[in-house]
Protein backbone atom coordinates (compact mmCIF):
# COMPACT_ATOMS: atom_id res chain seq x y z
CA MET A 1 0.00 0.00 0.00
CA ILE A 2 1.29 3.47 -0.87
CA LYS A 3 2.25 5.64 2.07
CA TYR A 4 0.86 9.14 1.48
CA LEU A 5 2.44 12.15 3.12
CA SER A 6 -1.03 13.61 3.74
CA LYS A 7 -2.02 10.57 5.77
CA THR A 8 1.22 10.47 7.76
CA ASN A 9 1.97 12.34 10.95
CA VAL A 10 4.79 14.39 9.46
CA LYS A 11 5.80 15.55 12.94
CA ASN A 12 7.03 12.01 13.54
CA LEU A 13 9.30 12.06 10.47
CA LYS A 14 12.54 13.14 12.07
CA GLY A 15 15.70 14.40 10.43
CA VAL A 16 16.45 15.28 6.81
CA ALA A 17 13.82 14.94 4.08
CA ILE A 18 14.77 14.12 0.49
CA ALA A 19 12.24 15.26 -2.12
CA ARG A 20 12.27 14.25 -5.79
CA LEU A 21 10.84 17.04 -7.96
CA ASP A 22 10.65 17.60 -11.72
CA PHE A 23 12.03 20.88 -13.10
CA ASN A 24 11.79 19.61 -16.68
CA THR A 25 9.61 22.39 -18.12
CA GLU A 26 10.34 25.62 -19.96
CA ASP A 27 8.67 27.62 -17.19
CA ASP A 28 8.14 26.96 -13.47
CA TRP A 29 4.62 25.53 -13.29
CA ARG A 30 5.77 22.09 -12.12
CA MET A 31 7.98 23.71 -9.53
CA LYS A 32 5.07 25.81 -8.25
CA ALA A 33 2.88 22.70 -8.06
CA ALA A 34 5.37 21.15 -5.62
CA ILE A 35 5.46 24.13 -3.23
CA PRO A 36 2.77 22.82 -0.79
CA THR A 37 4.72 19.59 -0.29
CA LEU A 38 8.00 21.46 0.20
CA GLN A 39 6.42 23.83 2.72
CA LEU A 40 4.99 20.91 4.70
CA LEU A 41 8.35 19.15 4.76
CA LEU A 42 10.23 22.31 5.65
CA LYS A 43 7.92 22.90 8.59
CA HIS A 44 8.89 19.61 10.23
CA ALA A 45 12.18 18.38 8.74
CA ARG A 46 15.57 19.47 10.12
CA ALA A 47 16.76 20.07 6.53
CA LEU A 48 15.56 19.44 2.99
CA VAL A 49 17.46 17.94 0.05
CA ILE A 50 15.90 18.37 -3.40
CA LEU A 51 16.67 16.09 -6.34
CA SER A 52 15.59 16.83 -9.92
CA HIS A 53 16.57 16.74 -13.58
CA LYS A 54 16.14 18.67 -16.80
CA GLY A 55 16.30 17.56 -20.42
CA ARG A 56 18.37 14.70 -21.81
CA PRO A 57 21.94 15.95 -21.45
CA LEU A 58 25.01 14.09 -22.65
CA GLY A 59 27.16 14.52 -19.55
CA PHE A 60 27.52 18.04 -18.18
CA GLN A 61 25.89 20.64 -20.45
CA LYS A 62 25.54 24.11 -18.97
CA GLN A 63 22.18 24.79 -20.64
CA PHE A 64 20.69 21.94 -18.57
CA SER A 65 22.10 23.09 -15.23
CA LEU A 66 19.61 23.38 -12.36
CA ARG A 67 21.36 26.42 -10.88
CA PRO A 68 18.74 28.84 -12.36
CA ASP A 69 15.98 26.54 -11.07
CA ALA A 70 17.48 26.57 -7.57
CA GLU A 71 17.52 30.37 -7.66
CA LYS A 72 13.91 30.46 -8.84
CA LEU A 73 12.84 28.02 -6.13
CA SER A 74 14.63 30.14 -3.53
CA GLY A 75 12.45 33.08 -4.60
CA LEU A 76 9.25 31.05 -4.50
CA LEU A 77 9.98 29.66 -1.05
CA LYS A 78 11.51 32.93 0.19
CA HIS A 79 14.32 30.83 1.63
CA ASP A 80 18.07 30.60 1.01
CA ILE A 81 19.14 27.53 -0.94
CA THR A 82 22.55 25.87 -1.18
CA PHE A 83 23.24 24.58 -4.68
CA ASP A 84 25.60 21.62 -5.04
CA GLU A 85 27.07 20.69 -8.41
CA LYS A 86 29.82 18.25 -7.42
CA PHE A 87 28.03 15.03 -6.37
CA ASN A 88 30.78 14.59 -3.77
CA PHE A 89 28.65 12.60 -1.35
CA ASP A 90 31.12 12.59 1.56
CA GLU A 91 31.30 16.36 1.43
CA LEU A 92 27.55 16.68 0.95
CA ARG A 93 26.79 14.54 3.98
CA ARG A 94 29.11 16.66 6.11
CA ASN A 95 27.56 19.89 4.84
CA ILE A 96 24.03 18.69 5.45
CA SER A 97 24.77 17.33 8.93
CA THR A 98 26.44 20.59 10.04
CA SER A 99 24.00 22.94 8.33
CA PRO A 100 21.67 25.24 10.29
CA ALA A 101 18.15 23.98 10.94
CA LYS A 102 15.74 24.30 8.01
CA SER A 103 18.55 24.44 5.42
CA ILE A 104 17.64 23.56 1.83
CA PHE A 105 20.03 21.89 -0.61
CA VAL A 106 19.39 21.47 -4.35
CA LEU A 107 21.61 19.03 -6.23
CA GLU A 108 22.72 19.55 -9.81
CA ASN A 109 20.87 17.86 -12.69
CA LEU A 110 20.85 14.16 -11.84
CA ARG A 111 21.02 13.24 -15.51
CA PHE A 112 24.53 14.66 -15.69
CA VAL A 113 25.37 11.35 -13.97
CA SER A 114 24.85 8.31 -16.22
CA MET A 115 24.11 6.11 -13.20
CA GLU A 116 20.82 7.98 -12.65
CA LYS A 117 19.05 6.72 -15.76
CA GLY A 118 20.53 3.27 -15.28
CA ASN A 119 18.95 3.04 -11.81
CA ASP A 120 22.41 2.23 -10.48
CA LYS A 121 22.31 0.68 -7.02
CA SER A 122 25.40 2.48 -5.67
CA PHE A 123 24.20 5.88 -6.93
CA ALA A 124 20.75 5.32 -5.39
CA LYS A 125 22.39 4.33 -2.11
CA ASN A 126 24.53 7.48 -2.11
CA LEU A 127 21.46 9.65 -2.75
CA ALA A 128 19.64 7.91 0.09
CA SER A 129 22.57 8.54 2.45
CA LEU A 130 21.83 12.28 2.32
CA GLY A 131 18.60 12.02 4.32
CA ASP A 132 16.32 10.06 6.60
CA TYR A 133 13.21 9.67 4.47
CA PHE A 134 12.17 10.15 0.84
CA VAL A 135 9.17 11.87 -0.77
CA ASN A 136 8.29 11.43 -4.44
CA GLU A 137 6.71 14.63 -5.74
CA ALA A 138 7.69 14.00 -9.36
CA PHE A 139 4.76 12.30 -11.07
CA ALA A 140 6.04 13.44 -14.47
CA VAL A 141 9.09 11.17 -14.18
CA SER A 142 7.44 8.33 -12.23
CA HIS A 143 7.12 6.26 -15.40
CA ARG A 144 10.95 6.03 -15.45
CA ALA A 145 12.85 3.43 -13.41
CA GLU A 146 15.64 5.78 -12.37
CA ALA A 147 17.87 5.83 -9.29
CA SER A 148 16.29 8.93 -7.72
CA VAL A 149 12.76 7.68 -8.36
CA VAL A 150 12.91 3.91 -7.80
CA GLY A 151 16.32 2.86 -6.50
CA ILE A 152 16.36 5.29 -3.56
CA THR A 153 13.15 3.81 -2.11
CA LYS A 154 14.98 0.58 -1.25
CA TYR A 155 17.04 2.38 1.37
CA LEU A 156 14.65 4.86 3.00
CA PRO A 157 11.08 5.10 4.30
CA SER A 158 9.29 6.51 1.22
CA TYR A 159 6.11 8.51 0.72
CA ALA A 160 3.98 10.00 -2.04
CA GLY A 161 3.91 13.81 -1.94
CA LEU A 162 0.71 15.86 -1.93
CA GLY A 163 0.84 16.43 -5.69
CA LEU A 164 1.56 12.81 -6.53
CA GLU A 165 -1.42 11.80 -4.41
CA LYS A 166 -3.67 14.17 -6.38
CA GLU A 167 -2.44 12.65 -9.63
CA ILE A 168 -3.29 9.14 -8.48
CA ILE A 169 -6.74 10.16 -7.19
CA ASN A 170 -7.79 12.20 -10.23
CA LEU A 171 -6.44 9.90 -12.94
CA SER A 172 -7.91 6.88 -11.14
CA ARG A 173 -11.26 8.68 -11.18
CA VAL A 174 -11.06 8.85 -14.98
CA MET A 175 -10.18 5.17 -15.23
CA GLU A 176 -12.66 3.81 -12.71
CA LYS A 177 -15.51 6.29 -12.21
CA ALA A 178 -15.69 8.46 -15.32
CA LYS A 179 -19.15 9.89 -15.94
CA LYS A 180 -20.35 9.53 -19.51
CA PRO A 181 -20.21 10.80 -22.14
CA LEU A 182 -16.43 10.43 -21.81
CA ILE A 183 -14.50 12.28 -24.52
CA MET A 184 -10.75 11.91 -24.99
CA ILE A 185 -8.76 14.46 -26.99
CA PHE A 186 -5.29 13.74 -28.36
CA GLY A 187 -2.89 15.87 -30.38
CA GLY A 188 0.79 16.68 -30.55
CA ALA A 189 3.70 15.36 -32.56
CA LYS A 190 4.05 12.00 -30.81
CA SER A 191 1.24 9.64 -31.70
CA GLY A 192 2.66 6.30 -30.56
CA ASP A 193 2.26 7.09 -26.86
CA LYS A 194 -1.43 7.95 -27.36
CA LEU A 195 -2.30 4.58 -28.91
CA ALA A 196 -1.99 2.60 -25.68
CA VAL A 197 -4.50 4.94 -23.98
CA ILE A 198 -6.92 4.71 -26.90
CA LYS A 199 -6.63 0.92 -26.80
CA PHE A 200 -7.36 0.85 -23.04
CA PHE A 201 -10.38 3.18 -23.37
CA ARG A 202 -11.66 1.85 -26.73
CA LYS A 203 -14.81 0.43 -25.14
CA LYS A 204 -15.06 2.95 -22.28
CA ALA A 205 -14.83 6.29 -24.08
CA ASP A 206 -17.65 7.61 -26.22
CA LEU A 207 -15.55 9.69 -28.61
CA PHE A 208 -11.91 10.34 -29.47
CA LEU A 209 -11.17 13.78 -30.94
CA ILE A 210 -7.85 13.54 -32.76
CA GLY A 211 -5.46 16.22 -33.99
CA GLY A 212 -1.72 16.43 -34.62
CA ALA A 213 0.43 13.71 -36.17
CA LEU A 214 -2.02 10.89 -35.41
CA ALA A 215 -4.83 12.76 -37.18
CA ASN A 216 -2.58 13.31 -40.20
CA THR A 217 -1.81 9.60 -40.31
CA LEU A 218 -5.46 8.58 -40.12
CA LEU A 219 -6.44 11.17 -42.72
CA TYR A 220 -3.71 9.89 -45.03
CA LEU A 221 -5.10 6.34 -44.70
CA LYS A 222 -8.54 7.68 -45.62
CA GLY A 223 -7.16 9.28 -48.78
CA THR A 224 -6.82 12.92 -47.68
CA ASP A 225 -3.94 14.88 -49.18
CA ILE A 226 -1.75 15.77 -46.19
CA GLY A 227 1.13 17.07 -48.31
CA THR A 228 4.38 17.17 -46.34
CA SER A 229 2.66 17.10 -42.94
CA LEU A 230 4.05 15.14 -40.01
CA PHE A 231 2.65 11.61 -39.93
CA ASP A 232 3.54 8.05 -38.93
CA GLU A 233 5.10 6.02 -41.69
CA ASP A 234 5.04 2.85 -39.60
CA VAL A 235 1.32 2.07 -39.63
CA ASN A 236 0.22 -0.86 -37.47
CA GLU A 237 -3.07 -2.74 -37.44
CA MET A 238 -4.53 -0.63 -34.65
CA ILE A 239 -3.97 2.62 -36.57
CA LYS A 240 -5.63 1.05 -39.63
CA ASN A 241 -8.64 0.10 -37.51
CA LEU A 242 -8.88 3.59 -36.03
CA SER A 243 -9.14 5.12 -39.49
CA SER A 244 -12.56 3.46 -39.92
CA ASP A 245 -13.76 3.71 -36.30
CA GLU A 246 -16.92 5.82 -35.96
CA SER A 247 -15.95 6.93 -32.45
CA VAL A 248 -12.82 8.63 -33.85
CA ILE A 249 -13.53 12.21 -34.94
CA LEU A 250 -10.93 13.78 -37.26
CA PRO A 251 -10.43 17.38 -38.43
CA VAL A 252 -12.41 18.44 -41.51
CA ASP A 253 -10.33 21.51 -42.40
CA PHE A 254 -6.88 22.84 -41.63
CA ARG A 255 -4.55 25.78 -41.28
CA ARG A 256 -1.56 25.11 -43.49
CA GLN A 257 1.78 26.53 -44.41
CA GLY A 258 2.33 25.53 -48.00
CA SER A 259 1.42 21.85 -48.19
CA LYS A 260 2.00 21.21 -44.50
CA ILE A 261 -0.89 20.95 -42.01
CA LEU A 262 0.06 22.92 -38.88
CA ASP A 263 -3.30 23.31 -37.11
CA ILE A 264 -6.93 22.29 -37.30
CA GLY A 265 -9.22 24.73 -39.10
CA PRO A 266 -12.26 26.77 -37.92
CA GLN A 267 -14.82 24.16 -39.03
CA SER A 268 -12.92 21.49 -37.10
CA GLU A 269 -12.95 23.75 -34.04
CA LYS A 270 -16.75 23.97 -34.29
CA LEU A 271 -17.06 20.22 -34.87
CA PHE A 272 -14.91 19.37 -31.84
CA ALA A 273 -16.68 21.99 -29.68
CA SER A 274 -20.07 20.50 -30.57
CA LYS A 275 -18.93 17.15 -29.18
CA ILE A 276 -17.28 18.63 -26.09
CA LYS A 277 -20.37 20.58 -24.96
CA ASP A 278 -22.29 17.41 -23.99
CA ALA A 279 -19.41 15.60 -22.28
CA LYS A 280 -19.40 14.75 -18.58
CA THR A 281 -15.71 13.74 -18.53
CA ILE A 282 -12.98 15.21 -20.75
CA VAL A 283 -9.36 14.04 -20.99
CA TRP A 284 -6.92 16.02 -23.14
CA ASN A 285 -3.25 15.50 -23.97
CA GLY A 286 -1.40 17.27 -26.80
CA PRO A 287 -2.05 20.48 -28.79
CA MET A 288 -3.95 20.62 -32.06
CA GLY A 289 -1.25 22.57 -33.89
CA LEU A 290 2.18 24.15 -33.86
CA ILE A 291 1.43 26.34 -30.86
CA GLU A 292 4.91 27.87 -30.81
CA ARG A 293 3.60 30.10 -33.61
CA GLU A 294 0.71 32.48 -33.01
CA GLU A 295 -1.11 31.70 -36.26
CA PHE A 296 -1.18 27.97 -35.48
CA LYS A 297 -2.40 27.99 -31.89
CA LYS A 298 -6.00 28.97 -32.76
CA GLY A 299 -7.27 25.39 -32.86
CA THR A 300 -5.84 24.59 -29.44
CA LEU A 301 -7.26 27.80 -27.96
CA GLY A 302 -10.62 26.91 -29.50
CA LEU A 303 -10.55 23.61 -27.59
CA VAL A 304 -9.67 25.41 -24.36
CA ARG A 305 -12.69 27.70 -24.79
CA ALA A 306 -14.96 24.74 -25.57
CA ILE A 307 -13.84 22.81 -22.50
CA ILE A 308 -14.25 25.68 -20.06
CA SER A 309 -17.66 26.49 -21.57
CA ASN A 310 -18.84 23.08 -20.40
CA LYS A 311 -19.53 23.88 -16.76
CA THR A 312 -20.60 20.40 -15.71
CA ALA A 313 -17.78 18.21 -17.05
CA PHE A 314 -14.84 16.89 -15.05
CA SER A 315 -11.82 17.88 -17.16
CA VAL A 316 -8.26 16.56 -16.99
CA VAL A 317 -5.45 18.11 -19.05
CA GLY A 318 -1.83 16.99 -19.25
CA GLY A 319 1.28 17.28 -21.40
CA GLY A 320 3.90 20.01 -21.16
CA GLU A 321 2.97 22.01 -24.27
CA THR A 322 -0.76 21.85 -23.62
CA VAL A 323 -0.46 22.88 -19.98
CA THR A 324 2.00 25.69 -20.78
CA MET A 325 -0.49 27.12 -23.27
CA LEU A 326 -3.28 26.84 -20.71
CA LYS A 327 -1.18 28.74 -18.18
CA GLU A 328 -0.30 31.41 -20.75
CA SER A 329 -3.96 31.86 -21.66
CA GLY A 330 -4.83 32.52 -18.00
CA LEU A 331 -7.53 29.87 -18.13
CA SER A 332 -5.86 27.01 -16.30
CA ASP A 333 -7.94 27.55 -13.15
CA LYS A 334 -11.06 26.68 -15.17
CA ILE A 335 -9.83 23.09 -15.67
CA SER A 336 -10.85 20.52 -13.03
CA PHE A 337 -7.39 18.93 -12.81
CA ILE A 338 -4.10 19.72 -14.52
CA SER A 339 -1.69 16.79 -14.52
CA THR A 340 2.01 17.53 -14.17
CA GLY A 341 2.73 14.49 -16.31
CA GLY A 342 2.84 14.05 -20.06
CA GLY A 343 4.17 10.57 -20.78
CA ALA A 344 3.48 9.52 -17.18
CA MET A 345 -0.15 10.57 -17.48
CA LEU A 346 -0.53 8.60 -20.71
CA ASP A 347 1.11 5.50 -19.22
CA PHE A 348 -1.11 5.71 -16.13
CA LEU A 349 -4.24 6.05 -18.27
CA ALA A 350 -3.10 3.13 -20.42
CA GLY A 351 -3.29 0.94 -17.32
CA LYS A 352 0.47 0.54 -17.01
CA LYS A 353 2.17 0.24 -13.64
CA LEU A 354 4.44 3.24 -13.12
CA PRO A 355 7.78 2.21 -11.55
CA GLY A 356 7.95 5.34 -9.36
CA ILE A 357 4.51 4.63 -7.87
CA GLU A 358 5.04 0.87 -7.56
CA ALA A 359 8.26 1.56 -5.63
CA LEU A 360 6.26 3.34 -2.92
CA LYS A 361 4.13 0.27 -2.18
């Protein structure tokens, strides 16, 4: 059974807390989501050690350093932070043990160390030696079997943070108690990771509204001219079946640049909105277009407006790009639940066991 921080008497957790966060976003929304857990730990722990990562660096690469993130977190918490970039564990242990009460330490990007992704036992043991108990507040990386997510739990009492608990509760609600009609919306450049969710919900969901690369692929199979648009060349049997599935709703017009489809068109916005207005549960992962460019974010914004216009639906949105756009639009507070996970959210909804969550049991 998972041990939740919210259901634990934190006053009884003595010593140094180690918290795994996820700073792997262009802005600080995941960091802000972890603040309640950090404040709770800081209130009771003697000191706090924060572990995180960013990007997929090849060894040390300055652009992936967590130093700017440590400075940003210091501002959010209004608390001095010691940043450590050496991974000299003997020195770190000494510094932590002799530090003033309520000190906070942030370690450099864990992925600068190859042993992190390999879930190396000795690296996990060294990380664990820095504290007395461990809290996973990094749902977005909990689908990865890495040393700071899985390996560390073998050596310390381990708990799910407040945010991770919310993820489990809200995503489980979609899987087990979703009110119907249930509509699932998928977009973005990666289509392979959406297929497992569609397969799991094939008989549970009422409609699938599809944009992005997967829509282009299905349209291509139906004979639509997609020009040089992004699509999947490796078409499996499931994708072929989806192209003729009546529960799959595809765009009917597009915004293009030359021969390339870069967003759904206005008629598609209206079509998707007409389906969304009657939904009781809405799940959305992935934008409808190339939202980095103003002229190709209209379709995604149209979906946002349609979802928040439905006042009775329980809505769940995840995926870095989608959530960032929601935050930028100032409408994120109108969504029932915003998941901090992209791939982790999709794996959870596909019925997969996430290593980071399983390790807490």
